[in-house]
C-alpha atoms as a PDB file:
ATOM      1  CA  MET A   1       3.874   0.033 -15.503  1.00  0.00           C
ATOM      2  CA  GLN A   2       4.847   3.324 -17.076  1.00  0.00           C
ATOM      3  CA  ARG A   3       3.794   1.956 -20.467  1.00  0.00           C
ATOM      4  CA  ARG A   4       0.514   0.567 -19.112  1.00  0.00           C
ATOM      5  CA  PHE A   5      -0.514   3.602 -17.049  1.00  0.00           C
ATOM      6  CA  ASP A   6      -0.260   7.306 -17.724  1.00  0.00           C
ATOM      7  CA  MET A   7       2.661   7.934 -15.381  1.00  0.00           C
ATOM      8  CA  PRO A   8       5.272  10.643 -15.706  1.00  0.00           C
ATOM      9  CA  VAL A   9       8.696   9.386 -16.664  1.00  0.00           C
ATOM     10  CA  GLN A  10      11.046   9.901 -13.742  1.00  0.00           C
ATOM     11  CA  PRO A  11      14.786  10.414 -14.049  1.00  0.00           C
ATOM     12  CA  ASP A  12      15.229   7.114 -12.232  1.00  0.00           C
ATOM     13  CA  PRO A  13      17.130   4.574 -14.337  1.00  0.00           C
ATOM     14  CA  TYR A  14      16.393   1.646 -12.001  1.00  0.00           C
ATOM     15  CA  GLY A  15      12.714   2.410 -11.465  1.00  0.00           C
ATOM     16  CA  LEU A  16      13.256   2.807  -7.726  1.00  0.00           C
ATOM     17  CA  ARG A  17      10.265   5.068  -7.095  1.00  0.00           C
ATOM     18  CA  LEU A  18       7.933   2.854  -9.071  1.00  0.00           C
ATOM     19  CA  ARG A  19       9.218  -0.317  -7.396  1.00  0.00           C
ATOM     20  CA  LEU A  20       8.829   1.232  -3.949  1.00  0.00           C
ATOM     21  CA  ALA A  21       5.282   2.288  -4.787  1.00  0.00           C
ATOM     22  CA  VAL A  22       4.422  -1.272  -5.846  1.00  0.00           C
ATOM     23  CA  ASP A  23       6.086  -2.661  -2.686  1.00  0.00           C
ATOM     24  CA  LEU A  24       4.054  -0.282  -0.516  1.00  0.00           C
ATOM     25  CA  LEU A  25       0.849  -1.315  -2.245  1.00  0.00           C
ATOM     26  CA  ALA A  26       1.703  -4.998  -1.741  1.00  0.00           C
ATOM     27  CA  ALA A  27       2.452  -4.377   1.950  1.00  0.00           C
ATOM     28  CA  ALA A  28      -0.826  -2.487   2.376  1.00  0.00           C
ATOM     29  CA  PHE A  29      -2.680  -5.389   0.768  1.00  0.00           C
ATOM     30  CA  ARG A  30      -1.038  -7.886   3.146  1.00  0.00           C
ATOM     31  CA  ARG A  31      -2.018  -5.797   6.187  1.00  0.00           C
ATOM     32  CA  ALA A  32      -5.570  -5.430   4.836  1.00  0.00           C
ATOM     33  CA  LEU A  33      -5.796  -9.169   4.254  1.00  0.00           C
ATOM     34  CA  GLU A  34      -4.641  -9.863   7.821  1.00  0.00           C
ATOM     35  CA  ARG A  35      -7.291  -7.509   9.201  1.00  0.00           C
ATOM     36  CA  TRP A  36     -10.000  -8.952   6.979  1.00  0.00           C
ATOM     37  CA  VAL A  37      -9.216 -12.565   7.927  1.00  0.00           C
ATOM     38  CA  ALA A  38      -9.029 -11.724  11.649  1.00  0.00           C
ATOM     39  CA  ASP A  39     -12.428  -9.979  11.748  1.00  0.00           C
ATOM     40  CA  PRO A  40     -15.359 -12.270  10.928  1.00  0.00           C
ATOM     41  CA  SER A  41     -17.748  -9.309  10.801  1.00  0.00           C
ATOM     42  CA  GLU A  42     -15.882  -8.065   7.695  1.00  0.00           C
ATOM     43  CA  SER A  43     -16.743 -11.060   5.513  1.00  0.00           C
ATOM     44  CA  GLY A  44     -17.193 -10.733   1.778  1.00  0.00           C
ATOM     45  CA  HIS A  45     -15.321  -8.753  -0.797  1.00  0.00           C
ATOM     46  CA  GLU A  46     -16.731  -5.470   0.539  1.00  0.00           C
ATOM     47  CA  GLY A  47     -14.969  -6.075   3.856  1.00  0.00           C
ATOM     48  CA  LEU A  48     -11.676  -6.744   2.100  1.00  0.00           C
ATOM     49  CA  ALA A  49     -12.108  -3.650  -0.057  1.00  0.00           C
ATOM     50  CA  ASP A  50     -12.777  -1.535   3.058  1.00  0.00           C
ATOM     51  CA  ALA A  51      -9.711  -2.956   4.794  1.00  0.00           C
ATOM     52  CA  LEU A  52      -7.586  -2.253   1.709  1.00  0.00           C
ATOM     53  CA  ARG A  53      -8.839   1.333   1.468  1.00  0.00           C
ATOM     54  CA  ASP A  54      -7.975   1.876   5.152  1.00  0.00           C
ATOM     55  CA  ALA A  55      -4.515   0.349   4.722  1.00  0.00           C
ATOM     56  CA  CYS A  56      -3.767   2.424   1.624  1.00  0.00           C
ATOM     57  CA  ALA A  57      -4.967   5.565   3.393  1.00  0.00           C
ATOM     58  CA  ALA A  58      -2.469   4.873   6.204  1.00  0.00           C
ATOM     59  CA  VAL A  59       0.544   4.674   3.861  1.00  0.00           C
ATOM     60  CA  PRO A  60       1.333   8.423   3.609  1.00  0.00           C
ATOM     61  CA  GLU A  61       1.225   8.909   7.378  1.00  0.00           C
ATOM     62  CA  SER A  62       3.315   5.783   7.946  1.00  0.00           C
ATOM     63  CA  LEU A  63       6.066   7.295   5.791  1.00  0.00           C
ATOM     64  CA  THR A  64       6.324  10.294   8.111  1.00  0.00           C
ATOM     65  CA  LEU A  65       6.551   8.381  11.391  1.00  0.00           C
ATOM     66  CA  PRO A  66       9.538   9.585  13.379  1.00  0.00           C
ATOM     67  CA  ALA A  67      12.157   6.964  14.181  1.00  0.00           C
ATOM     68  CA  ARG A  68      14.745   8.087  16.677  1.00  0.00           C
ATOM     69  CA  PRO A  69      17.472   5.898  18.119  1.00  0.00           C
ATOM     70  CA  ARG A  70      17.070   5.076  21.802  1.00  0.00           C
END
């Protein structure tokens, strides 16, 4: 991906940051697909694109959710 896209080279020999970014994008797509399939009013590729935009927009906030042991 770093060769294909203009991405800064990170001092990360295993590509952890890049792999996590791809995993987050894949997870966002799965959630968007679930929402799109469940809502018949969102038919067509525009509905899927809207659901994907919403899911991707939720990623940064999801990373800051507090998780405290009970």
